[in-house]
Amino acid sequence: MITLAVPIAGVLMVFSFLVVPAVIANLLTGDKRKLAVCSWWTGALASILGLWVSYTQDLPTGPLIVCMDGLLLLAAGAIKAVGGSAA
């Protein structure tokens, strides 16, 4: 599936969808069941936010979804640095 998605969506977007939600979930929790749910939710949230900003501001969709993934990763890193621990 990945080899089919790269020509359509691009390397950066496919990489972002595969890796960033997993990294965010790993920062926020250590429980294996919560990892899957957290990564699904962060991937969906990044997609929804990117699509919404793209629609409202008339900007390209793919790069905005990648940027939202990056912003969510920065927010998760900040939460981890402030005091949230992986349990």
Foldseek 3Di string as FASTA:
>chain_A
DLVVVCVVQNDLLSCLLPPLLLVLLQLQADDPVSSVVSSVVQLVVLQVVLVVCCVVVVHDRSVSSSVSSVVSSVVSVVVSVVPRGHD
